[in-house]
mmCIF file of all heavy atoms, coordinates in Angstrom:
data_MODEL
# 
_entry.id   MODEL 
# 
loop_
_atom_site.group_PDB 
_atom_site.id 
_atom_site.type_symbol 
_atom_site.label_atom_id 
_atom_site.label_alt_id 
_atom_site.label_comp_id 
_atom_site.label_asym_id 
_atom_site.label_entity_id 
_atom_site.label_seq_id 
_atom_site.pdbx_PDB_ins_code 
_atom_site.Cartn_x 
_atom_site.Cartn_y 
_atom_site.Cartn_z 
_atom_site.occupancy 
_atom_site.B_iso_or_equiv 
_atom_site.pdbx_formal_charge 
_atom_site.auth_seq_id 
_atom_site.auth_comp_id 
_atom_site.auth_asym_id 
_atom_site.auth_atom_id 
_atom_site.pdbx_PDB_model_num 
ATOM 1   N N   . THR A 1 1  ? -7.971  -23.428 -8.932 1.00 0.00 ? 1  THR A N   1 
ATOM 2   C CA  . THR A 1 1  ? -8.572  -22.139 -8.441 1.00 0.00 ? 1  THR A CA  1 
ATOM 3   C C   . THR A 1 1  ? -7.670  -21.310 -7.695 1.00 0.00 ? 1  THR A C   1 
ATOM 4   O O   . THR A 1 1  ? -6.771  -21.868 -6.992 1.00 0.00 ? 1  THR A O   1 
ATOM 5   C CB  . THR A 1 1  ? -9.974  -22.499 -7.569 1.00 0.00 ? 1  THR A CB  1 
ATOM 6   O OG1 . THR A 1 1  ? -9.464  -23.301 -6.392 1.00 0.00 ? 1  THR A OG1 1 
ATOM 7   C CG2 . THR A 1 1  ? -10.951 -23.114 -8.426 1.00 0.00 ? 1  THR A CG2 1 
ATOM 8   N N   . THR A 1 2  ? -7.875  -19.959 -7.816 1.00 0.00 ? 2  THR A N   1 
ATOM 9   C CA  . THR A 1 2  ? -6.863  -19.094 -7.218 1.00 0.00 ? 2  THR A CA  1 
ATOM 10  C C   . THR A 1 2  ? -7.811  -17.861 -6.698 1.00 0.00 ? 2  THR A C   1 
ATOM 11  O O   . THR A 1 2  ? -8.529  -17.286 -7.578 1.00 0.00 ? 2  THR A O   1 
ATOM 12  C CB  . THR A 1 2  ? -5.887  -18.614 -7.998 1.00 0.00 ? 2  THR A CB  1 
ATOM 13  O OG1 . THR A 1 2  ? -5.085  -19.563 -8.593 1.00 0.00 ? 2  THR A OG1 1 
ATOM 14  C CG2 . THR A 1 2  ? -4.761  -17.553 -7.335 1.00 0.00 ? 2  THR A CG2 1 
ATOM 15  N N   . VAL A 1 3  ? -7.612  -17.437 -5.451 1.00 0.00 ? 3  VAL A N   1 
ATOM 16  C CA  . VAL A 1 3  ? -8.340  -16.248 -4.855 1.00 0.00 ? 3  VAL A CA  1 
ATOM 17  C C   . VAL A 1 3  ? -7.345  -15.487 -4.197 1.00 0.00 ? 3  VAL A C   1 
ATOM 18  O O   . VAL A 1 3  ? -6.410  -15.990 -3.554 1.00 0.00 ? 3  VAL A O   1 
ATOM 19  C CB  . VAL A 1 3  ? -9.677  -16.586 -4.147 1.00 0.00 ? 3  VAL A CB  1 
ATOM 20  C CG1 . VAL A 1 3  ? -10.687 -17.191 -4.930 1.00 0.00 ? 3  VAL A CG1 1 
ATOM 21  C CG2 . VAL A 1 3  ? -9.130  -17.451 -2.912 1.00 0.00 ? 3  VAL A CG2 1 
ATOM 22  N N   . GLY A 1 4  ? -7.435  -14.265 -4.231 1.00 0.00 ? 4  GLY A N   1 
ATOM 23  C CA  . GLY A 1 4  ? -6.456  -13.363 -3.446 1.00 0.00 ? 4  GLY A CA  1 
ATOM 24  C C   . GLY A 1 4  ? -6.886  -11.880 -3.471 1.00 0.00 ? 4  GLY A C   1 
ATOM 25  O O   . GLY A 1 4  ? -7.926  -11.488 -3.937 1.00 0.00 ? 4  GLY A O   1 
ATOM 26  N N   . GLY A 1 5  ? -6.052  -11.040 -2.933 1.00 0.00 ? 5  GLY A N   1 
ATOM 27  C CA  . GLY A 1 5  ? -6.340  -9.631  -2.783 1.00 0.00 ? 5  GLY A CA  1 
ATOM 28  C C   . GLY A 1 5  ? -5.176  -8.981  -2.205 1.00 0.00 ? 5  GLY A C   1 
ATOM 29  O O   . GLY A 1 5  ? -4.187  -9.469  -1.652 1.00 0.00 ? 5  GLY A O   1 
ATOM 30  N N   . GLN A 1 6  ? -5.314  -7.605  -2.341 1.00 0.00 ? 6  GLN A N   1 
ATOM 31  C CA  . GLN A 1 6  ? -4.208  -6.779  -1.702 1.00 0.00 ? 6  GLN A CA  1 
ATOM 32  C C   . GLN A 1 6  ? -4.812  -5.310  -1.486 1.00 0.00 ? 6  GLN A C   1 
ATOM 33  O O   . GLN A 1 6  ? -5.727  -5.016  -1.994 1.00 0.00 ? 6  GLN A O   1 
ATOM 34  C CB  . GLN A 1 6  ? -3.029  -6.597  -2.791 1.00 0.00 ? 6  GLN A CB  1 
ATOM 35  C CG  . GLN A 1 6  ? -3.321  -5.856  -4.086 1.00 0.00 ? 6  GLN A CG  1 
ATOM 36  C CD  . GLN A 1 6  ? -1.947  -5.737  -4.748 1.00 0.00 ? 6  GLN A CD  1 
ATOM 37  O OE1 . GLN A 1 6  ? -1.178  -6.668  -4.848 1.00 0.00 ? 6  GLN A OE1 1 
ATOM 38  N NE2 . GLN A 1 6  ? -1.822  -4.536  -5.428 1.00 0.00 ? 6  GLN A NE2 1 
ATOM 39  N N   . LEU A 1 7  ? -4.134  -4.761  -0.392 1.00 0.00 ? 7  LEU A N   1 
ATOM 40  C CA  . LEU A 1 7  ? -4.429  -3.450  -0.120 1.00 0.00 ? 7  LEU A CA  1 
ATOM 41  C C   . LEU A 1 7  ? -3.190  -2.599  0.081  1.00 0.00 ? 7  LEU A C   1 
ATOM 42  O O   . LEU A 1 7  ? -2.075  -2.941  0.642  1.00 0.00 ? 7  LEU A O   1 
ATOM 43  C CB  . LEU A 1 7  ? -5.117  -3.473  1.215  1.00 0.00 ? 7  LEU A CB  1 
ATOM 44  C CG  . LEU A 1 7  ? -5.314  -2.054  1.857  1.00 0.00 ? 7  LEU A CG  1 
ATOM 45  C CD1 . LEU A 1 7  ? -6.326  -1.282  1.016  1.00 0.00 ? 7  LEU A CD1 1 
ATOM 46  C CD2 . LEU A 1 7  ? -5.729  -2.264  3.405  1.00 0.00 ? 7  LEU A CD2 1 
ATOM 47  N N   . GLY A 1 8  ? -3.104  -1.450  -0.656 1.00 0.00 ? 8  GLY A N   1 
ATOM 48  C CA  . GLY A 1 8  ? -1.989  -0.483  -0.491 1.00 0.00 ? 8  GLY A CA  1 
ATOM 49  C C   . GLY A 1 8  ? -2.386  0.827   -0.051 1.00 0.00 ? 8  GLY A C   1 
ATOM 50  O O   . GLY A 1 8  ? -3.511  1.377   -0.485 1.00 0.00 ? 8  GLY A O   1 
ATOM 51  N N   . VAL A 1 9  ? -1.682  1.372   0.802  1.00 0.00 ? 9  VAL A N   1 
ATOM 52  C CA  . VAL A 1 9  ? -1.964  2.703   1.350  1.00 0.00 ? 9  VAL A CA  1 
ATOM 53  C C   . VAL A 1 9  ? -0.684  3.615   1.273  1.00 0.00 ? 9  VAL A C   1 
ATOM 54  O O   . VAL A 1 9  ? 0.388   3.127   1.581  1.00 0.00 ? 9  VAL A O   1 
ATOM 55  C CB  . VAL A 1 9  ? -2.421  2.596   2.856  1.00 0.00 ? 9  VAL A CB  1 
ATOM 56  C CG1 . VAL A 1 9  ? -2.533  4.013   3.328  1.00 0.00 ? 9  VAL A CG1 1 
ATOM 57  C CG2 . VAL A 1 9  ? -3.479  1.789   3.041  1.00 0.00 ? 9  VAL A CG2 1 
ATOM 58  N N   . ARG A 1 10 ? -0.725  4.782   0.822  1.00 0.00 ? 10 ARG A N   1 
ATOM 59  C CA  . ARG A 1 10 ? 0.330   5.628   0.612  1.00 0.00 ? 10 ARG A CA  1 
ATOM 60  C C   . ARG A 1 10 ? -0.136  7.107   0.874  1.00 0.00 ? 10 ARG A C   1 
ATOM 61  O O   . ARG A 1 10 ? -1.197  7.391   1.027  1.00 0.00 ? 10 ARG A O   1 
ATOM 62  C CB  . ARG A 1 10 ? 0.734   5.546   -0.883 1.00 0.00 ? 10 ARG A CB  1 
ATOM 63  C CG  . ARG A 1 10 ? -0.297  6.110   -1.784 1.00 0.00 ? 10 ARG A CG  1 
ATOM 64  C CD  . ARG A 1 10 ? -0.142  5.604   -3.292 1.00 0.00 ? 10 ARG A CD  1 
ATOM 65  N NE  . ARG A 1 10 ? -1.084  6.260   -4.314 1.00 0.00 ? 10 ARG A NE  1 
ATOM 66  C CZ  . ARG A 1 10 ? -2.257  5.797   -4.229 1.00 0.00 ? 10 ARG A CZ  1 
ATOM 67  N NH1 . ARG A 1 10 ? -2.733  4.720   -3.604 1.00 0.00 ? 10 ARG A NH1 1 
ATOM 68  N NH2 . ARG A 1 10 ? -3.078  6.450   -5.098 1.00 0.00 ? 10 ARG A NH2 1 
ATOM 69  N N   . GLY A 1 11 ? 0.947   7.894   1.029  1.00 0.00 ? 11 GLY A N   1 
ATOM 70  C CA  . GLY A 1 11 ? 0.665   9.361   1.361  1.00 0.00 ? 11 GLY A CA  1 
ATOM 71  C C   . GLY A 1 11 ? 1.972   10.195  1.287  1.00 0.00 ? 11 GLY A C   1 
ATOM 72  O O   . GLY A 1 11 ? 3.062   9.625   1.029  1.00 0.00 ? 11 GLY A O   1 
ATOM 73  N N   . THR A 1 12 ? 1.865   11.410  1.379  1.00 0.00 ? 12 THR A N   1 
ATOM 74  C CA  . THR A 1 12 ? 2.948   12.488  1.337  1.00 0.00 ? 12 THR A CA  1 
ATOM 75  C C   . THR A 1 12 ? 2.891   13.500  2.432  1.00 0.00 ? 12 THR A C   1 
ATOM 76  O O   . THR A 1 12 ? 1.768   13.691  2.864  1.00 0.00 ? 12 THR A O   1 
ATOM 77  C CB  . THR A 1 12 ? 2.923   13.165  -0.057 1.00 0.00 ? 12 THR A CB  1 
ATOM 78  O OG1 . THR A 1 12 ? 1.829   13.857  -0.222 1.00 0.00 ? 12 THR A OG1 1 
ATOM 79  C CG2 . THR A 1 12 ? 3.094   12.102  -1.182 1.00 0.00 ? 12 THR A CG2 1 
ATOM 80  N N   . LEU A 1 13 ? 3.942   14.089  2.699  1.00 0.00 ? 13 LEU A N   1 
ATOM 81  C CA  . LEU A 1 13 ? 4.132   15.025  3.833  1.00 0.00 ? 13 LEU A CA  1 
ATOM 82  C C   . LEU A 1 13 ? 4.952   16.031  3.060  1.00 0.00 ? 13 LEU A C   1 
ATOM 83  O O   . LEU A 1 13 ? 6.147   16.064  3.043  1.00 0.00 ? 13 LEU A O   1 
ATOM 84  C CB  . LEU A 1 13 ? 4.699   14.578  5.013  1.00 0.00 ? 13 LEU A CB  1 
ATOM 85  C CG  . LEU A 1 13 ? 4.923   15.497  6.148  1.00 0.00 ? 13 LEU A CG  1 
ATOM 86  C CD1 . LEU A 1 13 ? 3.451   16.167  6.580  1.00 0.00 ? 13 LEU A CD1 1 
ATOM 87  C CD2 . LEU A 1 13 ? 5.377   15.081  7.428  1.00 0.00 ? 13 LEU A CD2 1 
ATOM 88  N N   . GLY A 1 14 ? 4.256   17.121  2.569  1.00 0.00 ? 14 GLY A N   1 
ATOM 89  C CA  . GLY A 1 14 ? 4.927   18.176  1.767  1.00 0.00 ? 14 GLY A CA  1 
ATOM 90  C C   . GLY A 1 14 ? 5.545   17.433  0.523  1.00 0.00 ? 14 GLY A C   1 
ATOM 91  O O   . GLY A 1 14 ? 4.797   16.898  -0.277 1.00 0.00 ? 14 GLY A O   1 
ATOM 92  N N   . ALA A 1 15 ? 6.840   17.609  0.355  1.00 0.00 ? 15 ALA A N   1 
ATOM 93  C CA  . ALA A 1 15 ? 7.545   17.136  -0.708 1.00 0.00 ? 15 ALA A CA  1 
ATOM 94  C C   . ALA A 1 15 ? 8.124   15.699  -0.416 1.00 0.00 ? 15 ALA A C   1 
ATOM 95  O O   . ALA A 1 15 ? 8.912   15.155  -1.204 1.00 0.00 ? 15 ALA A O   1 
ATOM 96  C CB  . ALA A 1 15 ? 8.734   18.005  -1.214 1.00 0.00 ? 15 ALA A CB  1 
ATOM 97  N N   . HIS A 1 16 ? 7.719   15.094  0.695  1.00 0.00 ? 16 HIS A N   1 
ATOM 98  C CA  . HIS A 1 16 ? 8.309   13.815  1.257  1.00 0.00 ? 16 HIS A CA  1 
ATOM 99  C C   . HIS A 1 16 ? 7.267   12.756  1.140  1.00 0.00 ? 16 HIS A C   1 
ATOM 100 O O   . HIS A 1 16 ? 6.092   12.884  1.435  1.00 0.00 ? 16 HIS A O   1 
ATOM 101 C CB  . HIS A 1 16 ? 8.865   13.963  2.637  1.00 0.00 ? 16 HIS A CB  1 
ATOM 102 C CG  . HIS A 1 16 ? 9.895   15.103  2.643  1.00 0.00 ? 16 HIS A CG  1 
ATOM 103 N ND1 . HIS A 1 16 ? 11.220  14.935  2.430  1.00 0.00 ? 16 HIS A ND1 1 
ATOM 104 C CD2 . HIS A 1 16 ? 9.734   16.400  3.238  1.00 0.00 ? 16 HIS A CD2 1 
ATOM 105 C CE1 . HIS A 1 16 ? 11.754  16.022  2.599  1.00 0.00 ? 16 HIS A CE1 1 
ATOM 106 N NE2 . HIS A 1 16 ? 11.106  16.956  3.147  1.00 0.00 ? 16 HIS A NE2 1 
ATOM 107 N N   . GLN A 1 17 ? 7.691   11.582  0.701  1.00 0.00 ? 17 GLN A N   1 
ATOM 108 C CA  . GLN A 1 17 ? 6.846   10.442  0.652  1.00 0.00 ? 17 GLN A CA  1 
ATOM 109 C C   . GLN A 1 17 ? 6.717   9.836   2.082  1.00 0.00 ? 17 GLN A C   1 
ATOM 110 O O   . GLN A 1 17 ? 7.754   9.553   2.722  1.00 0.00 ? 17 GLN A O   1 
ATOM 111 C CB  . GLN A 1 17 ? 7.458   9.380   -0.311 1.00 0.00 ? 17 GLN A CB  1 
ATOM 112 C CG  . GLN A 1 17 ? 6.594   8.144   -0.423 1.00 0.00 ? 17 GLN A CG  1 
ATOM 113 C CD  . GLN A 1 17 ? 5.368   8.310   -1.311 1.00 0.00 ? 17 GLN A CD  1 
ATOM 114 O OE1 . GLN A 1 17 ? 5.392   9.209   -2.292 1.00 0.00 ? 17 GLN A OE1 1 
ATOM 115 N NE2 . GLN A 1 17 ? 4.347   7.652   -0.995 1.00 0.00 ? 17 GLN A NE2 1 
ATOM 116 N N   . VAL A 1 18 ? 5.446   9.607   2.500  1.00 0.00 ? 18 VAL A N   1 
ATOM 117 C CA  . VAL A 1 18 ? 5.285   8.919   3.814  1.00 0.00 ? 18 VAL A CA  1 
ATOM 118 C C   . VAL A 1 18 ? 5.370   7.410   3.534  1.00 0.00 ? 18 VAL A C   1 
ATOM 119 O O   . VAL A 1 18 ? 4.895   6.951   2.457  1.00 0.00 ? 18 VAL A O   1 
ATOM 120 C CB  . VAL A 1 18 ? 3.894   9.241   4.397  1.00 0.00 ? 18 VAL A CB  1 
ATOM 121 C CG1 . VAL A 1 18 ? 3.573   8.517   5.579  1.00 0.00 ? 18 VAL A CG1 1 
ATOM 122 C CG2 . VAL A 1 18 ? 3.711   10.722  4.534  1.00 0.00 ? 18 VAL A CG2 1 
ATOM 123 N N   . PRO A 1 19 ? 6.068   6.769   4.498  1.00 0.00 ? 19 PRO A N   1 
ATOM 124 C CA  . PRO A 1 19 ? 6.049   5.277   4.140  1.00 0.00 ? 19 PRO A CA  1 
ATOM 125 C C   . PRO A 1 19 ? 4.741   4.616   3.877  1.00 0.00 ? 19 PRO A C   1 
ATOM 126 O O   . PRO A 1 19 ? 3.811   4.863   4.443  1.00 0.00 ? 19 PRO A O   1 
ATOM 127 C CB  . PRO A 1 19 ? 6.775   4.704   5.504  1.00 0.00 ? 19 PRO A CB  1 
ATOM 128 C CG  . PRO A 1 19 ? 7.391   5.988   6.061  1.00 0.00 ? 19 PRO A CG  1 
ATOM 129 C CD  . PRO A 1 19 ? 6.767   7.175   5.702  1.00 0.00 ? 19 PRO A CD  1 
ATOM 130 N N   . ALA A 1 20 ? 4.869   3.800   2.839  1.00 0.00 ? 20 ALA A N   1 
ATOM 131 C CA  . ALA A 1 20 ? 3.591   3.166   2.424  1.00 0.00 ? 20 ALA A CA  1 
ATOM 132 C C   . ALA A 1 20 ? 3.473   1.840   2.989  1.00 0.00 ? 20 ALA A C   1 
ATOM 133 O O   . ALA A 1 20 ? 4.359   1.155   3.509  1.00 0.00 ? 20 ALA A O   1 
ATOM 134 C CB  . ALA A 1 20 ? 3.665   3.077   0.827  1.00 0.00 ? 20 ALA A CB  1 
ATOM 135 N N   . LEU A 1 21 ? 2.247   1.321   2.919  1.00 0.00 ? 21 LEU A N   1 
ATOM 136 C CA  . LEU A 1 21 ? 1.860   -0.155  3.429  1.00 0.00 ? 21 LEU A CA  1 
ATOM 137 C C   . LEU A 1 21 ? 1.287   -0.945  2.403  1.00 0.00 ? 21 LEU A C   1 
ATOM 138 O O   . LEU A 1 21 ? 0.209   -0.423  1.606  1.00 0.00 ? 21 LEU A O   1 
ATOM 139 C CB  . LEU A 1 21 ? 0.904   0.101   4.690  1.00 0.00 ? 21 LEU A CB  1 
ATOM 140 C CG  . LEU A 1 21 ? 0.395   -1.211  5.179  1.00 0.00 ? 21 LEU A CG  1 
ATOM 141 C CD1 . LEU A 1 21 ? 1.333   -2.125  5.771  1.00 0.00 ? 21 LEU A CD1 1 
ATOM 142 C CD2 . LEU A 1 21 ? -0.832  -0.967  6.065  1.00 0.00 ? 21 LEU A CD2 1 
ATOM 143 N N   . LEU A 1 22 ? 1.754   -2.109  2.131  1.00 0.00 ? 22 LEU A N   1 
ATOM 144 C CA  . LEU A 1 22 ? 1.085   -3.017  1.244  1.00 0.00 ? 22 LEU A CA  1 
ATOM 145 C C   . LEU A 1 22 ? 1.051   -4.312  1.942  1.00 0.00 ? 22 LEU A C   1 
ATOM 146 O O   . LEU A 1 22 ? 1.840   -4.995  2.548  1.00 0.00 ? 22 LEU A O   1 
ATOM 147 C CB  . LEU A 1 22 ? 2.030   -3.236  0.075  1.00 0.00 ? 22 LEU A CB  1 
ATOM 148 C CG  . LEU A 1 22 ? 1.662   -4.400  -1.034 1.00 0.00 ? 22 LEU A CG  1 
ATOM 149 C CD1 . LEU A 1 22 ? 0.378   -3.934  -1.579 1.00 0.00 ? 22 LEU A CD1 1 
ATOM 150 C CD2 . LEU A 1 22 ? 2.731   -4.514  -1.997 1.00 0.00 ? 22 LEU A CD2 1 
ATOM 151 N N   . VAL A 1 23 ? -0.351  -4.896  1.845  1.00 0.00 ? 23 VAL A N   1 
ATOM 152 C CA  . VAL A 1 23 ? -0.767  -6.102  2.398  1.00 0.00 ? 23 VAL A CA  1 
ATOM 153 C C   . VAL A 1 23 ? -1.386  -6.939  1.287  1.00 0.00 ? 23 VAL A C   1 
ATOM 154 O O   . VAL A 1 23 ? -2.287  -6.455  0.638  1.00 0.00 ? 23 VAL A O   1 
ATOM 155 C CB  . VAL A 1 23 ? -1.629  -5.968  3.667  1.00 0.00 ? 23 VAL A CB  1 
ATOM 156 C CG1 . VAL A 1 23 ? -2.007  -7.296  4.236  1.00 0.00 ? 23 VAL A CG1 1 
ATOM 157 C CG2 . VAL A 1 23 ? -1.080  -5.160  4.593  1.00 0.00 ? 23 VAL A CG2 1 
ATOM 158 N N   . ALA A 1 24 ? -0.879  -8.097  1.071  1.00 0.00 ? 24 ALA A N   1 
ATOM 159 C CA  . ALA A 1 24 ? -1.297  -9.018  0.002  1.00 0.00 ? 24 ALA A CA  1 
ATOM 160 C C   . ALA A 1 24 ? -1.416  -10.409 0.434  1.00 0.00 ? 24 ALA A C   1 
ATOM 161 O O   . ALA A 1 24 ? -0.579  -10.929 1.230  1.00 0.00 ? 24 ALA A O   1 
ATOM 162 C CB  . ALA A 1 24 ? -0.423  -8.871  -1.214 1.00 0.00 ? 24 ALA A CB  1 
ATOM 163 N N   . GLY A 1 25 ? -2.298  -11.223 -0.115 1.00 0.00 ? 25 GLY A N   1 
ATOM 164 C CA  . GLY A 1 25 ? -2.347  -12.655 0.146  1.00 0.00 ? 25 GLY A CA  1 
ATOM 165 C C   . GLY A 1 25 ? -3.166  -13.357 -0.968 1.00 0.00 ? 25 GLY A C   1 
ATOM 166 O O   . GLY A 1 25 ? -3.870  -12.663 -1.649 1.00 0.00 ? 25 GLY A O   1 
# 
């Protein structure tokens, strides 16, 4: 059996990419 999940958050500021966050387990 395997269970898991992940959450990713991303964004932009004008033409620039805001640092993203990825949490997974």
